[in-house]
Amino acid sequence: MPTGIKVHYRRELDFYKTAFAQRNLPQAWHHLERAHVLAQAWPREHTYVHWRMLLFGIHIKSGREILGQIPRLLVGGVKSFVGNIPVGNTGGANVPPLQPMEIQEDLSEILKAYQIQN
């Protein structure tokens, strides 16, 4: 992951941790989704976000999220490695794992700077 993207990725994870500690779960999830969009092209970071999403699902006792994250954990990093990712997908069990999605404008600008976006 290029340093310029990594800075934003880590910032999203820090925002997630802060919101989670404050028990603002919708805001925490929002930042995990944003971290996922930034991390999709890099196996380690992509897999890590899915791990955090799995732990989030366990915390909120969401069977759907837990079951949805397990295959994403197993396959997400591999798809990043071979360059076959659904650009913009937010990574949660509430969206199909292979569905490309519109990227928020600020994230799109970050990714465009590194020619990551289609």
Protein backbone atom coordinates (compact mmCIF):
# COMPACT_ATOMS: atom_id res chain seq x y z
CA MET A 1 0.00 0.00 0.00
CA PRO A 2 1.48 3.37 -0.97
CA THR A 3 2.31 5.61 1.97
CA GLY A 4 -0.13 8.29 0.81
CA ILE A 5 -3.05 5.87 0.90
CA LYS A 6 -1.82 4.18 4.06
CA VAL A 7 -2.04 7.49 5.94
CA HIS A 8 -5.75 7.76 5.08
CA TYR A 9 -6.36 4.06 5.72
CA ARG A 10 -4.83 4.28 9.19
CA ARG A 11 -6.78 7.46 9.89
CA GLU A 12 -10.02 5.65 9.10
CA LEU A 13 -9.02 2.83 11.45
CA ASP A 14 -8.19 5.37 14.16
CA PHE A 15 -11.59 7.02 13.65
CA TYR A 16 -13.16 3.56 13.88
CA LYS A 17 -11.41 2.83 17.18
CA THR A 18 -12.45 6.18 18.65
CA ALA A 19 -16.08 5.82 17.60
CA PHE A 20 -16.15 2.22 18.84
CA ALA A 21 -14.70 3.24 22.22
CA GLN A 22 -17.38 5.93 22.46
CA ARG A 23 -20.00 3.27 21.63
CA ASN A 24 -20.98 5.12 18.48
CA LEU A 25 -21.40 1.90 16.52
CA PRO A 26 -22.92 3.35 13.32
CA GLN A 27 -20.02 5.81 13.05
CA ALA A 28 -17.50 3.07 13.85
CA TRP A 29 -18.92 0.88 11.08
CA HIS A 30 -18.86 3.80 8.64
CA HIS A 31 -15.12 4.16 9.18
CA LEU A 32 -14.53 0.43 8.73
CA GLU A 33 -16.33 0.63 5.39
CA ARG A 34 -14.18 3.57 4.33
CA ALA A 35 -11.03 1.72 5.40
CA HIS A 36 -12.21 -1.24 3.32
CA VAL A 37 -12.62 0.87 0.20
CA LEU A 38 -9.09 2.20 0.62
CA ALA A 39 -7.60 -1.23 1.38
CA GLN A 40 -9.17 -3.37 -1.32
CA ALA A 41 -6.16 -3.48 -3.62
CA TRP A 42 -3.72 -4.70 -0.93
CA PRO A 43 -4.12 -8.21 0.51
CA ARG A 44 -2.82 -7.59 4.04
CA GLU A 45 -4.74 -4.39 4.67
CA HIS A 46 -7.86 -5.73 2.95
CA THR A 47 -7.85 -8.87 5.07
CA TYR A 48 -7.25 -6.86 8.23
CA VAL A 49 -10.36 -4.74 7.62
CA HIS A 50 -12.42 -7.90 7.17
CA TRP A 51 -10.98 -9.20 10.45
CA ARG A 52 -12.08 -5.99 12.20
CA MET A 53 -15.51 -6.33 10.56
CA LEU A 54 -15.77 -9.89 11.86
CA LEU A 55 -14.89 -8.74 15.38
CA PHE A 56 -17.43 -5.93 15.06
CA GLY A 57 -20.08 -8.49 14.02
CA ILE A 58 -19.22 -10.60 17.06
CA HIS A 59 -19.44 -7.54 19.31
CA ILE A 60 -22.92 -6.60 18.07
CA LYS A 61 -23.95 -10.27 17.99
CA SER A 62 -24.87 -10.18 14.31
CA GLY A 63 -24.95 -13.69 12.91
CA ARG A 64 -25.37 -12.26 9.42
CA GLU A 65 -22.22 -10.15 9.71
CA ILE A 66 -20.21 -12.95 11.29
CA LEU A 67 -21.21 -15.45 8.61
CA GLY A 68 -20.72 -12.84 5.90
CA GLN A 69 -17.20 -11.96 6.99
CA ILE A 70 -15.83 -15.50 7.18
CA PRO A 71 -15.73 -16.10 3.40
CA ARG A 72 -14.55 -12.53 2.85
CA LEU A 73 -11.65 -13.21 5.20
CA LEU A 74 -10.77 -16.36 3.29
CA VAL A 75 -11.04 -14.90 -0.21
CA GLY A 76 -10.72 -11.11 0.03
CA GLY A 77 -6.94 -10.99 0.28
CA VAL A 78 -6.55 -13.47 -2.56
CA LYS A 79 -8.77 -11.34 -4.79
CA SER A 80 -6.63 -8.33 -3.92
CA PHE A 81 -3.49 -10.30 -4.78
CA VAL A 82 -4.75 -11.25 -8.24
CA GLY A 83 -6.20 -7.77 -8.85
CA ASN A 84 -9.83 -8.85 -9.08
CA ILE A 85 -11.69 -6.53 -6.71
CA PRO A 86 -15.14 -4.95 -6.89
CA VAL A 87 -14.01 -1.32 -6.75
CA GLY A 88 -15.79 0.70 -4.08
CA ASN A 89 -17.42 -2.26 -2.37
CA THR A 90 -17.82 -1.39 1.32
CA GLY A 91 -17.12 -4.94 2.53
CA GLY A 92 -20.02 -5.62 4.87
CA ALA A 93 -22.40 -8.56 4.75
CA ASN A 94 -25.16 -6.12 3.78
CA VAL A 95 -23.78 -5.89 0.22
CA PRO A 96 -22.92 -8.62 -2.30
CA PRO A 97 -19.17 -9.32 -2.07
CA LEU A 98 -18.56 -8.90 -5.81
CA GLN A 99 -20.69 -5.78 -6.37
CA PRO A 100 -18.79 -2.68 -7.46
CA MET A 101 -20.11 0.44 -5.75
CA GLU A 102 -19.82 4.18 -6.12
CA ILE A 103 -16.92 5.56 -4.12
CA GLN A 104 -17.33 8.57 -1.87
CA GLU A 105 -15.76 11.59 -3.55
CA ASP A 106 -12.97 12.14 -1.02
CA LEU A 107 -11.91 8.48 -1.16
CA SER A 108 -12.13 8.52 -4.94
CA GLU A 109 -9.69 11.44 -5.09
CA ILE A 110 -7.25 9.61 -2.82
CA LEU A 111 -7.39 6.46 -4.96
CA LYS A 112 -7.19 8.38 -8.25
CA ALA A 113 -3.96 9.98 -7.09
CA TYR A 114 -2.46 6.48 -7.12
CA GLN A 115 -4.36 5.23 -10.18
CA ILE A 116 -6.19 2.58 -8.16
CA GLN A 117 -9.67 3.33 -9.42
CA ASN A 118 -11.21 2.16 -12.70
